[in-house]
N, C-alpha and C. Protein backbone atom coordinates (compact mmCIF):
# COMPACT_ATOMS: atom_id res chain seq x y z
N UNK A 1 0.81 -1.19 0.00
CA UNK A 1 0.00 0.00 0.00
C UNK A 1 0.86 1.26 0.00
N UNK A 2 1.94 1.25 0.75
CA UNK A 2 2.85 2.39 0.80
C UNK A 2 3.48 2.61 -0.57
N UNK A 3 3.83 1.53 -1.23
CA UNK A 3 4.43 1.62 -2.56
C UNK A 3 3.45 2.24 -3.55
N UNK A 4 2.19 1.84 -3.51
CA UNK A 4 1.16 2.37 -4.41
C UNK A 4 0.94 3.86 -4.13
N UNK A 5 0.90 4.26 -2.88
CA UNK A 5 0.72 5.65 -2.50
C UNK A 5 1.88 6.51 -3.00
N UNK A 6 3.10 6.01 -2.91
CA UNK A 6 4.28 6.72 -3.39
C UNK A 6 4.22 6.89 -4.91
N UNK A 7 3.76 5.83 -5.63
CA UNK A 7 3.67 5.88 -7.09
C UNK A 7 2.64 6.91 -7.53
N UNK A 8 1.50 6.99 -6.85
CA UNK A 8 0.46 7.95 -7.19
C UNK A 8 0.97 9.37 -6.92
N UNK A 9 1.62 9.58 -5.78
CA UNK A 9 2.18 10.89 -5.45
C UNK A 9 3.25 11.30 -6.44
N UNK A 10 4.07 10.36 -6.86
CA UNK A 10 5.12 10.63 -7.82
C UNK A 10 4.53 11.04 -9.16
N UNK A 11 3.49 10.32 -9.61
CA UNK A 11 2.84 10.66 -10.88
C UNK A 11 2.18 12.03 -10.79
N UNK A 12 1.59 12.35 -9.64
CA UNK A 12 0.96 13.66 -9.46
C UNK A 12 2.00 14.77 -9.54
N UNK A 13 3.16 14.56 -8.93
CA UNK A 13 4.24 15.55 -9.00
C UNK A 13 4.76 15.70 -10.42
N UNK A 14 4.87 14.59 -11.14
CA UNK A 14 5.32 14.64 -12.54
C UNK A 14 4.32 15.41 -13.40
N UNK A 15 3.03 15.20 -13.14
CA UNK A 15 2.01 15.93 -13.90
C UNK A 15 2.03 17.43 -13.57
N UNK A 16 2.24 17.76 -12.30
CA UNK A 16 2.37 19.17 -11.93
C UNK A 16 3.57 19.80 -12.62
N UNK A 17 4.67 19.08 -12.65
CA UNK A 17 5.88 19.57 -13.30
C UNK A 17 5.64 19.75 -14.80
N UNK A 18 4.98 18.78 -15.42
CA UNK A 18 4.68 18.87 -16.85
C UNK A 18 3.76 20.06 -17.13
N UNK A 19 2.76 20.24 -16.25
CA UNK A 19 1.84 21.36 -16.39
C UNK A 19 2.59 22.69 -16.28
N UNK A 20 3.49 22.78 -15.33
CA UNK A 20 4.29 24.00 -15.14
C UNK A 20 5.16 24.27 -16.37
N UNK A 21 5.74 23.22 -16.93
CA UNK A 21 6.56 23.37 -18.14
C UNK A 21 5.71 23.89 -19.30
N UNK A 22 4.51 23.30 -19.43
CA UNK A 22 3.61 23.73 -20.50
C UNK A 22 3.22 25.21 -20.33
N UNK A 23 2.86 25.62 -19.11
CA UNK A 23 2.47 27.00 -18.86
C UNK A 23 3.63 27.96 -19.13
N UNK A 24 4.83 27.53 -18.75
CA UNK A 24 6.01 28.36 -19.00
C UNK A 24 6.23 28.54 -20.49
N UNK A 25 6.04 27.46 -21.24
CA UNK A 25 6.21 27.53 -22.70
C UNK A 25 5.15 28.43 -23.31
N UNK A 26 3.90 28.28 -22.87
CA UNK A 26 2.82 29.13 -23.38
C UNK A 26 3.08 30.60 -23.07
N UNK A 27 3.56 30.87 -21.87
CA UNK A 27 3.88 32.24 -21.48
C UNK A 27 5.01 32.80 -22.34
N UNK A 28 6.01 31.98 -22.59
CA UNK A 28 7.14 32.39 -23.42
C UNK A 28 6.68 32.66 -24.86
N UNK A 29 5.81 31.79 -25.38
CA UNK A 29 5.30 31.98 -26.74
C UNK A 29 4.44 33.23 -26.82
N UNK A 30 3.63 33.46 -25.80
CA UNK A 30 2.79 34.65 -25.76
C UNK A 30 3.65 35.91 -25.72
N UNK A 31 4.71 35.88 -24.92
CA UNK A 31 5.64 37.02 -24.83
C UNK A 31 6.30 37.25 -26.18
N UNK A 32 6.71 36.17 -26.84
CA UNK A 32 7.34 36.27 -28.16
C UNK A 32 6.36 36.82 -29.18
N UNK A 33 5.10 36.38 -29.13
CA UNK A 33 4.08 36.90 -30.03
C UNK A 33 3.86 38.39 -29.81
N UNK A 34 3.84 38.81 -28.55
CA UNK A 34 3.66 40.23 -28.23
C UNK A 34 4.83 41.07 -28.75
N UNK A 35 6.04 40.55 -28.63
CA UNK A 35 7.21 41.26 -29.14
C UNK A 35 7.10 41.42 -30.65
N UNK A 36 6.73 40.34 -31.34
CA UNK A 36 6.60 40.40 -32.81
C UNK A 36 5.49 41.38 -33.21
N UNK A 37 4.38 41.39 -32.48
CA UNK A 37 3.30 42.33 -32.78
C UNK A 37 3.77 43.77 -32.61
N UNK A 38 4.52 44.04 -31.52
CA UNK A 38 5.06 45.39 -31.30
C UNK A 38 5.99 45.79 -32.44
N UNK A 39 6.86 44.85 -32.84
CA UNK A 39 7.81 45.14 -33.92
C UNK A 39 7.08 45.45 -35.22
N UNK A 40 6.07 44.66 -35.54
CA UNK A 40 5.30 44.88 -36.77
C UNK A 40 4.59 46.23 -36.71
N UNK A 41 4.00 46.55 -35.56
CA UNK A 41 3.31 47.82 -35.41
C UNK A 41 4.26 49.00 -35.61
N UNK A 42 5.42 48.94 -34.98
CA UNK A 42 6.40 50.03 -35.12
C UNK A 42 6.91 50.11 -36.55
N UNK A 43 7.20 48.96 -37.16
CA UNK A 43 7.67 48.97 -38.56
C UNK A 43 6.61 49.56 -39.49
N UNK A 44 5.34 49.22 -39.28
CA UNK A 44 4.27 49.78 -40.11
C UNK A 44 4.18 51.29 -39.95
N UNK A 45 4.28 51.78 -38.72
CA UNK A 45 4.24 53.22 -38.48
C UNK A 45 5.45 53.90 -39.13
N UNK A 46 6.61 53.27 -39.01
CA UNK A 46 7.83 53.83 -39.59
C UNK A 46 7.70 53.86 -41.12
N UNK A 47 7.22 52.77 -41.69
CA UNK A 47 7.04 52.70 -43.15
C UNK A 47 6.10 53.80 -43.62
N UNK A 48 5.01 54.03 -42.90
CA UNK A 48 4.06 55.08 -43.29
C UNK A 48 4.71 56.46 -43.28
N UNK A 49 5.52 56.74 -42.27
CA UNK A 49 6.18 58.05 -42.19
C UNK A 49 7.21 58.22 -43.31
N UNK A 50 7.98 57.19 -43.55
CA UNK A 50 9.01 57.25 -44.61
C UNK A 50 8.34 57.32 -45.97
N UNK A 51 7.30 56.53 -46.17
CA UNK A 51 6.58 56.53 -47.44
C UNK A 51 5.96 57.90 -47.71
N UNK A 52 5.44 58.53 -46.69
CA UNK A 52 4.85 59.86 -46.84
C UNK A 52 5.91 60.85 -47.36
N UNK A 53 7.10 60.81 -46.78
CA UNK A 53 8.19 61.68 -47.23
C UNK A 53 8.64 61.30 -48.65
N UNK A 54 8.73 60.00 -48.94
CA UNK A 54 9.17 59.55 -50.25
C UNK A 54 8.15 59.97 -51.33
N UNK A 55 6.87 59.88 -51.03
CA UNK A 55 5.86 60.28 -52.01
C UNK A 55 5.95 61.79 -52.26
N UNK A 56 6.21 62.57 -51.22
CA UNK A 56 6.39 64.01 -51.41
C UNK A 56 7.61 64.27 -52.30
N UNK A 57 8.67 63.52 -52.06
CA UNK A 57 9.87 63.60 -52.90
C UNK A 57 9.51 63.29 -54.35
N UNK A 58 8.75 62.22 -54.58
CA UNK A 58 8.30 61.87 -55.93
C UNK A 58 7.53 63.03 -56.56
N UNK A 59 6.61 63.64 -55.82
CA UNK A 59 5.83 64.75 -56.36
C UNK A 59 6.73 65.92 -56.74
N UNK A 60 7.76 66.18 -55.94
CA UNK A 60 8.72 67.23 -56.28
C UNK A 60 9.51 66.89 -57.54
N UNK A 61 9.92 65.63 -57.66
CA UNK A 61 10.64 65.18 -58.86
C UNK A 61 9.72 65.30 -60.08
N UNK A 62 8.47 64.93 -59.89
CA UNK A 62 7.48 64.98 -60.98
C UNK A 62 7.31 66.41 -61.49
N UNK A 63 7.39 67.40 -60.60
CA UNK A 63 7.25 68.81 -60.99
C UNK A 63 8.51 69.35 -61.66
N UNK A 64 9.62 68.64 -61.51
CA UNK A 64 10.90 69.11 -62.06
C UNK A 64 10.96 68.83 -63.56
N UNK A 65 12.12 69.09 -64.15
CA UNK A 65 12.32 68.84 -65.58
C UNK A 65 12.72 67.39 -65.87
N UNK A 66 12.87 66.57 -64.84
CA UNK A 66 13.20 65.15 -65.06
C UNK A 66 12.03 64.45 -65.71
N UNK A 67 12.32 63.56 -66.66
CA UNK A 67 11.27 62.80 -67.32
C UNK A 67 11.04 61.49 -66.55
N UNK A 68 9.80 61.25 -66.23
CA UNK A 68 9.43 60.02 -65.55
C UNK A 68 8.80 59.08 -66.56
N UNK A 69 8.83 57.78 -66.23
CA UNK A 69 8.15 56.82 -67.09
C UNK A 69 7.23 55.97 -66.24
N UNK A 70 6.33 55.30 -66.92
CA UNK A 70 5.39 54.42 -66.24
C UNK A 70 6.18 53.40 -65.43
N UNK A 71 5.93 53.39 -64.13
CA UNK A 71 6.72 52.55 -63.24
C UNK A 71 6.55 51.06 -63.54
N UNK A 72 5.39 50.66 -64.06
CA UNK A 72 5.18 49.24 -64.35
C UNK A 72 6.10 48.74 -65.46
N UNK A 73 6.49 49.62 -66.39
CA UNK A 73 7.41 49.25 -67.46
C UNK A 73 8.76 48.84 -66.85
N UNK A 74 9.27 49.66 -65.94
CA UNK A 74 10.55 49.37 -65.31
C UNK A 74 10.46 48.14 -64.41
N UNK A 75 9.36 48.01 -63.68
CA UNK A 75 9.18 46.84 -62.82
C UNK A 75 9.14 45.56 -63.65
N UNK A 76 8.46 45.60 -64.79
CA UNK A 76 8.41 44.42 -65.67
C UNK A 76 9.79 44.07 -66.20
N UNK A 77 10.60 45.08 -66.56
CA UNK A 77 11.97 44.82 -67.03
C UNK A 77 12.77 44.11 -65.94
N UNK A 78 12.67 44.63 -64.72
CA UNK A 78 13.41 44.04 -63.60
C UNK A 78 12.93 42.61 -63.33
N UNK A 79 11.62 42.44 -63.28
CA UNK A 79 11.07 41.10 -63.00
C UNK A 79 11.47 40.11 -64.08
N UNK A 80 11.43 40.52 -65.35
CA UNK A 80 11.85 39.63 -66.44
C UNK A 80 13.33 39.29 -66.33
N UNK A 81 14.15 40.27 -66.01
CA UNK A 81 15.58 40.02 -65.82
C UNK A 81 15.83 39.04 -64.69
N UNK A 82 15.09 39.18 -63.62
CA UNK A 82 15.26 38.27 -62.48
C UNK A 82 14.81 36.86 -62.84
N UNK A 83 13.74 36.75 -63.60
CA UNK A 83 13.27 35.42 -64.03
C UNK A 83 14.31 34.76 -64.93
N UNK A 84 14.84 35.53 -65.87
CA UNK A 84 15.80 34.98 -66.83
C UNK A 84 17.13 34.60 -66.19
N UNK A 85 17.49 35.26 -65.11
CA UNK A 85 18.77 34.96 -64.48
C UNK A 85 18.60 34.14 -63.19
N UNK A 86 17.38 33.71 -62.92
CA UNK A 86 17.08 32.92 -61.73
C UNK A 86 17.57 33.58 -60.45
N UNK A 87 17.41 34.89 -60.37
CA UNK A 87 17.78 35.59 -59.14
C UNK A 87 16.53 35.90 -58.34
N UNK A 88 16.71 36.10 -57.15
CA UNK A 88 15.73 36.44 -56.12
C UNK A 88 14.29 36.58 -56.60
N UNK A 89 13.63 37.38 -55.95
CA UNK A 89 12.18 37.45 -56.07
C UNK A 89 11.72 38.60 -56.96
N UNK A 90 10.46 38.49 -57.36
CA UNK A 90 9.87 39.53 -58.18
C UNK A 90 9.43 40.70 -57.32
N UNK A 91 9.30 41.84 -57.96
CA UNK A 91 8.71 43.00 -57.29
C UNK A 91 7.21 42.89 -57.47
N UNK A 92 6.50 42.77 -56.39
CA UNK A 92 5.04 42.65 -56.44
C UNK A 92 4.41 43.96 -55.99
N UNK A 93 3.50 44.46 -56.79
CA UNK A 93 2.91 45.77 -56.54
C UNK A 93 1.51 45.63 -55.95
N UNK A 94 1.27 46.40 -54.91
CA UNK A 94 -0.04 46.41 -54.27
C UNK A 94 -0.97 47.42 -54.93
N UNK A 95 -0.39 48.57 -55.34
CA UNK A 95 -1.23 49.59 -55.95
C UNK A 95 -0.39 50.56 -56.79
N UNK A 96 -1.04 51.11 -57.81
CA UNK A 96 -0.45 52.14 -58.66
C UNK A 96 -1.22 53.44 -58.42
N UNK A 97 -0.52 54.57 -58.60
CA UNK A 97 -1.19 55.87 -58.50
C UNK A 97 -0.48 56.87 -59.41
N UNK A 98 -0.96 58.09 -59.38
CA UNK A 98 -0.35 59.18 -60.16
C UNK A 98 -0.19 58.80 -61.63
N UNK A 99 -1.30 58.34 -62.21
CA UNK A 99 -1.33 57.96 -63.64
C UNK A 99 -0.29 56.90 -63.99
N UNK A 100 -0.05 55.97 -63.08
CA UNK A 100 0.88 54.88 -63.33
C UNK A 100 2.34 55.22 -63.12
N UNK A 101 2.62 56.44 -62.67
CA UNK A 101 4.00 56.85 -62.46
C UNK A 101 4.54 56.44 -61.09
N UNK A 102 3.65 56.07 -60.18
CA UNK A 102 4.04 55.75 -58.81
C UNK A 102 3.38 54.43 -58.41
N UNK A 103 4.10 53.65 -57.63
CA UNK A 103 3.55 52.38 -57.16
C UNK A 103 3.98 52.13 -55.73
N UNK A 104 3.23 51.28 -55.05
CA UNK A 104 3.61 50.81 -53.72
C UNK A 104 3.65 49.30 -53.74
N UNK A 105 4.69 48.74 -53.12
CA UNK A 105 4.74 47.29 -53.00
C UNK A 105 3.91 46.87 -51.79
N UNK A 106 3.86 45.58 -51.52
CA UNK A 106 3.02 45.08 -50.43
C UNK A 106 3.58 45.42 -49.05
N UNK A 107 4.81 45.89 -48.98
CA UNK A 107 5.37 46.35 -47.71
C UNK A 107 5.06 47.84 -47.49
N UNK A 108 4.40 48.47 -48.47
CA UNK A 108 4.04 49.88 -48.35
C UNK A 108 5.12 50.83 -48.81
N UNK A 109 6.16 50.31 -49.46
CA UNK A 109 7.26 51.15 -49.91
C UNK A 109 7.00 51.64 -51.34
N UNK A 110 7.30 52.92 -51.57
CA UNK A 110 7.04 53.53 -52.86
C UNK A 110 8.12 53.27 -53.89
N UNK A 111 7.71 53.36 -55.16
CA UNK A 111 8.62 53.17 -56.29
C UNK A 111 8.18 54.10 -57.42
N UNK A 112 9.15 54.64 -58.14
CA UNK A 112 8.86 55.35 -59.39
C UNK A 112 10.07 55.22 -60.28
N UNK A 113 9.89 55.57 -61.55
CA UNK A 113 10.97 55.38 -62.53
C UNK A 113 11.32 56.70 -63.21
N UNK A 114 12.61 56.97 -63.26
CA UNK A 114 13.12 58.13 -63.98
C UNK A 114 13.62 57.62 -65.33
N UNK A 115 13.13 58.22 -66.38
CA UNK A 115 13.46 57.77 -67.73
C UNK A 115 14.98 57.73 -67.93
N UNK A 116 15.47 56.57 -68.35
CA UNK A 116 16.88 56.37 -68.60
C UNK A 116 17.69 56.00 -67.37
N UNK A 117 17.07 56.05 -66.20
CA UNK A 117 17.81 55.76 -64.96
C UNK A 117 17.12 54.74 -64.07
N UNK A 118 16.06 54.17 -64.54
CA UNK A 118 15.44 53.06 -63.83
C UNK A 118 14.64 53.42 -62.60
N UNK A 119 14.45 52.39 -61.84
CA UNK A 119 13.57 52.45 -60.69
C UNK A 119 14.20 53.20 -59.53
N UNK A 120 13.43 54.04 -58.91
CA UNK A 120 13.82 54.74 -57.70
C UNK A 120 12.98 54.14 -56.57
N UNK A 121 13.63 53.77 -55.51
CA UNK A 121 12.90 53.12 -54.42
C UNK A 121 13.49 53.54 -53.09
N UNK A 122 12.81 53.16 -52.04
CA UNK A 122 13.24 53.50 -50.69
C UNK A 122 13.20 52.23 -49.84
N UNK A 123 14.15 52.12 -48.96
CA UNK A 123 14.15 51.02 -48.00
C UNK A 123 14.78 51.53 -46.71
N UNK A 124 14.60 50.79 -45.65
CA UNK A 124 15.18 51.22 -44.39
C UNK A 124 15.46 50.03 -43.49
N UNK A 125 16.29 50.29 -42.49
CA UNK A 125 16.51 49.28 -41.45
C UNK A 125 16.67 50.00 -40.12
N UNK A 126 16.09 49.39 -39.11
CA UNK A 126 16.16 49.94 -37.76
C UNK A 126 17.43 49.40 -37.10
N UNK A 127 18.21 50.30 -36.55
CA UNK A 127 19.47 49.93 -35.89
C UNK A 127 19.28 50.15 -34.39
N UNK A 128 18.94 49.06 -33.68
CA UNK A 128 18.65 49.17 -32.26
C UNK A 128 18.54 47.77 -31.66
N UNK A 129 19.47 47.41 -30.80
CA UNK A 129 19.44 46.09 -30.18
C UNK A 129 18.19 45.89 -29.33
N UNK A 130 17.77 46.92 -28.63
CA UNK A 130 16.58 46.82 -27.79
C UNK A 130 15.37 46.45 -28.64
N UNK A 131 15.23 47.09 -29.80
CA UNK A 131 14.12 46.79 -30.69
C UNK A 131 14.18 45.34 -31.16
N UNK A 132 15.36 44.90 -31.53
CA UNK A 132 15.52 43.52 -31.99
C UNK A 132 15.18 42.51 -30.90
N UNK A 133 15.51 42.84 -29.66
CA UNK A 133 15.31 41.91 -28.55
C UNK A 133 13.90 41.93 -27.98
N UNK A 134 13.32 43.13 -27.78
CA UNK A 134 12.04 43.18 -27.08
C UNK A 134 10.96 44.00 -27.79
N UNK A 135 11.27 44.54 -28.96
CA UNK A 135 10.27 45.27 -29.73
C UNK A 135 10.04 46.71 -29.28
N UNK A 136 10.88 47.20 -28.37
CA UNK A 136 10.79 48.60 -27.93
C UNK A 136 11.98 49.37 -28.49
N UNK A 137 11.72 50.61 -28.90
CA UNK A 137 12.80 51.46 -29.40
C UNK A 137 13.51 52.11 -28.22
N UNK A 138 14.83 52.07 -28.24
CA UNK A 138 15.60 52.72 -27.19
C UNK A 138 15.87 54.17 -27.59
N UNK A 139 16.40 54.94 -26.66
CA UNK A 139 16.76 56.33 -26.94
C UNK A 139 17.89 56.44 -27.95
N UNK A 140 18.68 55.39 -28.06
CA UNK A 140 19.80 55.41 -29.01
C UNK A 140 19.43 54.82 -30.37
N UNK A 141 18.16 54.54 -30.58
CA UNK A 141 17.71 53.94 -31.85
C UNK A 141 17.97 54.86 -33.03
N UNK A 142 18.53 54.28 -34.08
CA UNK A 142 18.72 54.98 -35.35
C UNK A 142 18.04 54.19 -36.46
N UNK A 143 17.75 54.88 -37.52
CA UNK A 143 17.18 54.24 -38.70
C UNK A 143 18.00 54.66 -39.90
N UNK A 144 18.42 53.66 -40.69
CA UNK A 144 19.15 53.94 -41.92
C UNK A 144 18.17 53.85 -43.07
N UNK A 145 18.02 54.96 -43.78
CA UNK A 145 17.11 55.03 -44.92
C UNK A 145 17.95 55.07 -46.19
N UNK A 146 17.66 54.14 -47.09
CA UNK A 146 18.42 54.04 -48.34
C UNK A 146 17.54 54.42 -49.52
N UNK A 147 18.12 55.21 -50.40
CA UNK A 147 17.45 55.59 -51.64
C UNK A 147 18.07 54.78 -52.76
N UNK A 148 17.24 54.02 -53.44
CA UNK A 148 17.67 53.18 -54.56
C UNK A 148 18.86 52.30 -54.20
N UNK A 149 18.91 51.83 -52.99
CA UNK A 149 19.87 50.84 -52.49
C UNK A 149 21.32 51.29 -52.48
N UNK A 150 21.61 52.51 -52.93
CA UNK A 150 23.00 52.91 -53.04
C UNK A 150 23.37 54.05 -52.12
N UNK A 151 22.42 54.88 -51.79
CA UNK A 151 22.66 56.03 -50.93
C UNK A 151 21.88 55.84 -49.65
N UNK A 152 22.50 56.20 -48.54
CA UNK A 152 21.75 56.09 -47.30
C UNK A 152 22.12 57.22 -46.35
N UNK A 153 21.19 57.50 -45.47
CA UNK A 153 21.38 58.50 -44.43
C UNK A 153 20.84 57.88 -43.14
N UNK A 154 21.36 58.35 -42.01
CA UNK A 154 20.93 57.82 -40.71
C UNK A 154 20.23 58.92 -39.93
N UNK A 155 19.11 58.56 -39.32
CA UNK A 155 18.29 59.48 -38.55
C UNK A 155 17.93 58.86 -37.21
N UNK A 156 17.50 59.68 -36.27
CA UNK A 156 17.00 59.18 -34.99
C UNK A 156 15.60 58.59 -35.23
N UNK A 157 15.37 57.42 -34.67
CA UNK A 157 14.07 56.75 -34.86
C UNK A 157 12.91 57.62 -34.41
N UNK A 158 13.05 58.24 -33.24
CA UNK A 158 11.96 59.07 -32.72
C UNK A 158 11.60 60.20 -33.68
N UNK A 159 12.61 60.82 -34.29
CA UNK A 159 12.34 61.91 -35.22
C UNK A 159 11.52 61.44 -36.42
N UNK A 160 11.86 60.28 -36.93
CA UNK A 160 11.13 59.76 -38.08
C UNK A 160 9.73 59.31 -37.65
N UNK A 161 9.65 58.57 -36.58
CA UNK A 161 8.38 58.03 -36.12
C UNK A 161 7.39 59.12 -35.74
N UNK A 162 7.89 60.21 -35.21
CA UNK A 162 7.01 61.31 -34.81
C UNK A 162 6.80 62.32 -35.93
N UNK A 163 7.37 62.06 -37.11
CA UNK A 163 7.17 62.94 -38.25
C UNK A 163 7.85 64.29 -38.14
N UNK A 164 8.80 64.40 -37.22
CA UNK A 164 9.46 65.69 -36.98
C UNK A 164 10.32 66.15 -38.15
N UNK A 165 10.80 65.21 -38.96
CA UNK A 165 11.78 65.60 -39.98
C UNK A 165 11.37 65.25 -41.40
N UNK A 166 10.09 65.32 -41.71
CA UNK A 166 9.63 65.01 -43.07
C UNK A 166 10.31 65.92 -44.10
N UNK A 167 10.36 67.21 -43.82
CA UNK A 167 10.99 68.14 -44.77
C UNK A 167 12.47 67.81 -44.94
N UNK A 168 13.12 67.44 -43.84
CA UNK A 168 14.54 67.06 -43.90
C UNK A 168 14.72 65.80 -44.75
N UNK A 169 13.83 64.82 -44.57
CA UNK A 169 13.92 63.60 -45.38
C UNK A 169 13.77 63.92 -46.86
N UNK A 170 12.76 64.69 -47.20
CA UNK A 170 12.52 65.05 -48.61
C UNK A 170 13.74 65.78 -49.16
N UNK A 171 14.28 66.71 -48.41
CA UNK A 171 15.47 67.44 -48.84
C UNK A 171 16.66 66.50 -49.04
N UNK A 172 16.85 65.58 -48.09
CA UNK A 172 17.96 64.62 -48.21
C UNK A 172 17.79 63.69 -49.40
N UNK A 173 16.56 63.28 -49.68
CA UNK A 173 16.32 62.44 -50.86
C UNK A 173 16.72 63.18 -52.13
N UNK A 174 16.38 64.47 -52.18
CA UNK A 174 16.75 65.28 -53.34
C UNK A 174 18.27 65.39 -53.47
N UNK A 175 18.95 65.53 -52.32
CA UNK A 175 20.41 65.60 -52.34
C UNK A 175 21.03 64.29 -52.80
N UNK A 176 20.39 63.17 -52.50
CA UNK A 176 20.92 61.86 -52.88
C UNK A 176 20.65 61.51 -54.34
N UNK A 177 19.68 62.17 -54.95
CA UNK A 177 19.29 61.81 -56.32
C UNK A 177 20.41 61.93 -57.34
N UNK A 178 21.19 63.03 -57.38
CA UNK A 178 22.27 63.08 -58.38
C UNK A 178 23.25 61.92 -58.25
N UNK A 179 23.58 61.54 -57.02
CA UNK A 179 24.49 60.40 -56.82
C UNK A 179 23.83 59.11 -57.33
N UNK A 180 22.56 58.94 -57.06
CA UNK A 180 21.86 57.74 -57.53
C UNK A 180 21.88 57.68 -59.07
N UNK A 181 21.70 58.83 -59.71
CA UNK A 181 21.71 58.85 -61.17
C UNK A 181 23.12 58.60 -61.71
N UNK A 182 24.14 59.16 -61.06
CA UNK A 182 25.52 58.94 -61.50
C UNK A 182 25.93 57.48 -61.33
N UNK A 183 25.44 56.85 -60.27
CA UNK A 183 25.80 55.45 -59.98
C UNK A 183 24.98 54.44 -60.76
N UNK A 184 23.98 54.91 -61.51
CA UNK A 184 23.10 53.99 -62.23
C UNK A 184 23.89 53.18 -63.24
N UNK A 185 23.66 51.88 -63.24
CA UNK A 185 24.38 50.99 -64.19
C UNK A 185 23.58 50.75 -65.41
């Protein structure tokens, strides 16, 4: 009888331990899900702010003497080249605007084409260990914004996220354009 009682108690302790392990795992997964949700939310807000400045830059370029072309023509050239050379992925467009001169991909990033110089695009990366680890931006957070993959500038995350420097971004994009055109292959 003592042996049976010990076996039942042992199994009960093992089940409690297993239950605790399961709850710990669920808590860890929930925490991880929350971190990913925070990161996605911040990235979406950041993309919207950067895209707003990039679209203003596009409108300024459109008003200039530079000739623009239908962005889908350039996207199709790039996609065909990628298919033929078996390189990476296609550029997938979510929407076109401005009479086909401007497009947004599914990440919300803008694209347009300057005649003879190809696609102009914007991308960014958040430089912040705290953000990578827990989804919160630290005071030392920076964001590197690249124009057409060749030129980049670094800004404080808070300034971009709060929209404090939209005019500065547009101005910097304009300053980067001649270099982007000179570097065009």
